[in-house]
Protein backbone atom coordinates (compact mmCIF):
# COMPACT_ATOMS: atom_id res chain seq x y z
CA UNK A 1 89.49 89.86 41.14
CA UNK A 2 89.95 86.17 40.45
CA UNK A 3 92.10 83.86 42.50
CA UNK A 4 94.32 83.01 39.51
CA UNK A 5 95.75 85.20 36.76
CA UNK A 6 95.34 84.16 33.11
CA UNK A 7 98.71 82.39 32.92
CA UNK A 8 97.98 80.30 36.02
CA UNK A 9 94.52 79.48 34.71
CA UNK A 10 95.99 78.35 31.40
CA UNK A 11 98.52 76.14 33.19
CA UNK A 12 95.77 74.62 35.35
CA UNK A 13 93.63 73.99 32.26
CA UNK A 14 96.55 72.29 30.53
CA UNK A 15 97.24 70.15 33.60
CA UNK A 16 93.55 69.29 33.81
CA UNK A 17 93.44 68.24 30.16
CA UNK A 18 96.64 66.21 30.46
CA UNK A 19 95.45 64.55 33.65
CA UNK A 20 92.08 63.80 32.09
CA UNK A 21 93.68 62.28 28.98
CA UNK A 22 96.04 60.12 31.02
CA UNK A 23 93.24 58.98 33.31
CA UNK A 24 90.99 58.12 30.38
CA UNK A 25 93.80 56.16 28.73
CA UNK A 26 94.40 54.21 31.93
CA UNK A 27 90.67 53.63 32.35
CA UNK A 28 90.35 52.36 28.77
CA UNK A 29 93.32 50.04 29.21
CA UNK A 30 91.94 48.66 32.48
CA UNK A 31 88.52 48.16 30.88
CA UNK A 32 90.07 46.31 27.92
CA UNK A 33 92.09 44.09 30.25
CA UNK A 34 88.99 43.43 32.36
CA UNK A 35 86.99 42.35 29.30
CA UNK A 36 89.83 40.12 28.15
CA UNK A 37 90.30 38.59 31.61
CA UNK A 38 86.56 38.05 32.09
CA UNK A 39 86.23 36.41 28.68
CA UNK A 40 89.14 34.09 29.43
CA UNK A 41 87.68 33.26 32.83
CA UNK A 42 84.21 32.58 31.42
CA UNK A 43 85.69 30.46 28.65
CA UNK A 44 87.74 28.34 31.04
CA UNK A 45 85.58 28.28 34.17
CA UNK A 46 83.69 25.18 33.03
CA UNK A 47 86.91 23.16 32.80
CA UNK A 48 87.07 22.63 36.56
CA UNK A 49 83.54 21.23 36.69
CA UNK A 50 84.30 18.95 33.76
CA UNK A 51 87.48 17.85 35.50
CA UNK A 52 85.52 17.08 38.70
CA UNK A 53 83.13 14.92 36.69
CA UNK A 54 86.06 13.16 35.08
CA UNK A 55 87.69 12.57 38.49
CA UNK A 56 84.47 11.09 39.87
CA UNK A 57 84.30 8.79 36.87
CA UNK A 58 87.92 7.71 37.18
CA UNK A 59 88.28 7.32 40.92
CA UNK A 60 86.33 4.08 40.98
CA UNK A 61 88.66 2.62 38.36
CA UNK A 62 91.89 3.59 40.11
CA UNK A 63 93.75 2.20 43.05
CA UNK A 64 92.78 4.04 46.28
CA UNK A 65 96.18 5.74 46.48
CA UNK A 66 95.92 7.05 42.92
CA UNK A 67 92.28 8.06 43.44
CA UNK A 68 93.30 10.12 46.48
CA UNK A 69 96.03 11.86 44.49
CA UNK A 70 93.54 12.66 41.75
CA UNK A 71 91.02 14.03 44.27
CA UNK A 72 93.74 16.17 45.87
CA UNK A 73 94.69 17.52 42.46
CA UNK A 74 91.04 18.24 41.76
CA UNK A 75 90.81 20.20 45.01
CA UNK A 76 93.85 22.27 44.04
CA UNK A 77 92.25 22.99 40.66
CA UNK A 78 89.22 24.37 42.50
CA UNK A 79 91.53 26.72 44.41
CA UNK A 80 93.03 27.92 41.12
CA UNK A 81 89.52 28.64 39.84
CA UNK A 82 88.77 30.62 43.00
CA UNK A 83 91.97 32.65 42.53
CA UNK A 84 91.02 33.39 38.92
CA UNK A 85 87.57 34.53 39.98
CA UNK A 86 89.08 36.80 42.64
CA UNK A 87 91.39 38.21 39.98
CA UNK A 88 88.44 39.11 37.76
CA UNK A 89 86.65 40.70 40.72
CA UNK A 90 89.78 42.65 41.69
CA UNK A 91 90.18 43.94 38.13
CA UNK A 92 86.51 45.00 38.12
CA UNK A 93 87.06 46.92 41.39
CA UNK A 94 90.21 48.50 39.99
CA UNK A 95 88.29 49.67 36.92
CA UNK A 96 85.55 51.15 39.10
CA UNK A 97 88.06 52.88 41.39
CA UNK A 98 89.96 54.31 38.42
CA UNK A 99 86.78 55.77 36.90
CA UNK A 100 85.87 57.25 40.28
CA UNK A 101 89.35 58.76 40.77
CA UNK A 102 89.22 60.26 37.27
CA UNK A 103 85.86 61.91 37.95
CA UNK A 104 87.06 63.28 41.30
CA UNK A 105 90.30 64.66 39.82
CA UNK A 106 88.47 66.41 36.98
CA UNK A 107 85.95 67.85 39.43
CA UNK A 108 88.75 69.18 41.67
CA UNK A 109 90.48 70.83 38.71
CA UNK A 110 87.20 72.43 37.69
CA UNK A 111 86.65 73.72 41.21
CA UNK A 112 90.05 75.46 41.09
CA UNK A 113 89.36 76.90 37.66
CA UNK A 114 85.97 78.34 38.47
CA UNK A 115 86.63 79.65 41.97
């Protein structure tokens, strides 16, 4: 005799399907956001380097006080770039973790169904 009767099995199958659909939707959304974020990052990541070059070019033409302000601003821009890169990496990890959680959940449902 099986662990579950037919009604319980049907309910578990429905929950499995619903859970799988929701998880796949979330995974797809995360993947789309990751692609969008990565494209934006790649597109704009060169701006900081260009800005550094511009700062180096300008600092000789500015008063020392203004040059220091520009260098400080340039340093803060580098920190913003680092934050953006960490954001892309975090989104990539989130996508990986979501796919892993989806696989584990589906496997657990299947274990219950076929016990």
